[in-house]
């Protein structure tokens, strides 16, 4: 999904003893939460 700058974003992060990860999320036009980017 391509980001839509007119809609809000949500950052989701998680960490463990092994790794750290995060995702940039955004709701699409149907109301489903989609990943825009992750690392």
N, C-alpha and C. Protein backbone atom coordinates (compact mmCIF):
# COMPACT_ATOMS: atom_id res chain seq x y z
N UNK A 1 0.84 -1.17 0.00
CA UNK A 1 0.00 0.00 0.00
C UNK A 1 0.89 1.24 0.00
N UNK A 2 0.51 2.23 -0.78
CA UNK A 2 1.23 3.49 -0.79
C UNK A 2 0.66 4.40 0.31
N UNK A 3 1.50 5.18 0.98
CA UNK A 3 1.01 6.04 2.05
C UNK A 3 0.11 7.15 1.51
N UNK A 4 -0.89 7.51 2.30
CA UNK A 4 -1.80 8.61 1.99
C UNK A 4 -1.59 9.67 3.06
N UNK A 5 -0.95 10.77 2.70
CA UNK A 5 -0.61 11.80 3.68
C UNK A 5 -1.82 12.53 4.25
N UNK A 6 -3.00 12.34 3.66
CA UNK A 6 -4.20 12.98 4.20
C UNK A 6 -4.84 12.16 5.31
N UNK A 7 -4.33 10.95 5.57
CA UNK A 7 -4.86 10.08 6.63
C UNK A 7 -3.82 9.92 7.73
N UNK A 8 -4.28 9.66 8.97
CA UNK A 8 -3.32 9.47 10.06
C UNK A 8 -2.54 8.16 9.94
N UNK A 9 -1.34 8.16 10.50
CA UNK A 9 -0.49 6.98 10.55
C UNK A 9 -0.46 6.45 11.97
N UNK A 10 -0.08 5.18 12.12
CA UNK A 10 0.11 4.58 13.44
C UNK A 10 1.43 3.83 13.42
N UNK A 11 2.25 4.01 14.45
CA UNK A 11 3.52 3.31 14.57
C UNK A 11 3.35 2.20 15.60
N UNK A 12 3.70 0.98 15.20
CA UNK A 12 3.62 -0.19 16.07
C UNK A 12 5.03 -0.71 16.27
N UNK A 13 5.44 -0.86 17.53
CA UNK A 13 6.79 -1.33 17.84
C UNK A 13 6.73 -2.54 18.76
N UNK A 14 7.75 -3.38 18.68
CA UNK A 14 7.87 -4.54 19.55
C UNK A 14 9.35 -4.84 19.74
N UNK A 15 9.68 -5.37 20.90
CA UNK A 15 11.07 -5.70 21.19
C UNK A 15 11.13 -6.97 22.01
N UNK A 16 12.24 -7.67 21.86
CA UNK A 16 12.50 -8.87 22.66
C UNK A 16 13.98 -8.87 23.02
N UNK A 17 14.45 -9.94 23.63
CA UNK A 17 15.88 -10.05 23.92
C UNK A 17 16.70 -10.25 22.66
N UNK A 18 16.03 -10.56 21.55
CA UNK A 18 16.70 -10.90 20.31
C UNK A 18 16.68 -9.77 19.28
N UNK A 19 15.56 -9.03 19.19
CA UNK A 19 15.43 -8.04 18.11
C UNK A 19 14.45 -6.93 18.50
N UNK A 20 14.48 -5.87 17.69
CA UNK A 20 13.53 -4.76 17.80
C UNK A 20 12.92 -4.57 16.42
N UNK A 21 11.62 -4.36 16.37
CA UNK A 21 10.96 -4.15 15.09
C UNK A 21 9.88 -3.10 15.20
N UNK A 22 9.54 -2.49 14.07
CA UNK A 22 8.46 -1.51 14.06
C UNK A 22 7.81 -1.50 12.68
N UNK A 23 6.57 -1.03 12.66
CA UNK A 23 5.82 -0.94 11.41
C UNK A 23 5.05 0.36 11.38
N UNK A 24 4.97 0.96 10.22
CA UNK A 24 4.15 2.15 9.99
C UNK A 24 2.85 1.66 9.37
N UNK A 25 1.73 1.90 10.06
CA UNK A 25 0.44 1.37 9.64
C UNK A 25 -0.50 2.51 9.24
N UNK A 26 -1.49 2.15 8.39
CA UNK A 26 -2.49 3.12 7.98
C UNK A 26 -3.73 2.35 7.54
N UNK A 27 -4.92 2.91 7.82
CA UNK A 27 -6.16 2.28 7.39
C UNK A 27 -6.42 2.58 5.92
N UNK A 28 -6.85 1.55 5.17
CA UNK A 28 -7.17 1.76 3.76
C UNK A 28 -8.62 2.24 3.63
N UNK A 29 -9.11 2.36 2.41
CA UNK A 29 -10.45 2.88 2.16
C UNK A 29 -11.56 1.96 2.64
N UNK A 30 -11.25 0.67 2.84
CA UNK A 30 -12.26 -0.27 3.33
C UNK A 30 -12.22 -0.43 4.84
N UNK A 31 -11.30 0.27 5.52
CA UNK A 31 -11.22 0.22 6.97
C UNK A 31 -10.26 -0.81 7.52
N UNK A 32 -9.54 -1.52 6.64
CA UNK A 32 -8.56 -2.51 7.10
C UNK A 32 -7.23 -1.82 7.35
N UNK A 33 -6.57 -2.21 8.44
CA UNK A 33 -5.27 -1.64 8.76
C UNK A 33 -4.20 -2.32 7.90
N UNK A 34 -3.40 -1.53 7.23
CA UNK A 34 -2.38 -2.04 6.30
C UNK A 34 -1.00 -1.54 6.70
N UNK A 35 0.00 -2.34 6.37
CA UNK A 35 1.39 -1.96 6.61
C UNK A 35 1.85 -1.07 5.46
N UNK A 36 2.37 0.09 5.80
CA UNK A 36 2.95 0.99 4.80
C UNK A 36 4.44 0.73 4.68
N UNK A 37 5.09 0.51 5.83
CA UNK A 37 6.53 0.24 5.86
C UNK A 37 6.85 -0.51 7.14
N UNK A 38 7.91 -1.32 7.11
CA UNK A 38 8.35 -2.01 8.32
C UNK A 38 9.86 -2.14 8.33
N UNK A 39 10.38 -2.35 9.53
CA UNK A 39 11.83 -2.53 9.67
C UNK A 39 12.10 -3.46 10.81
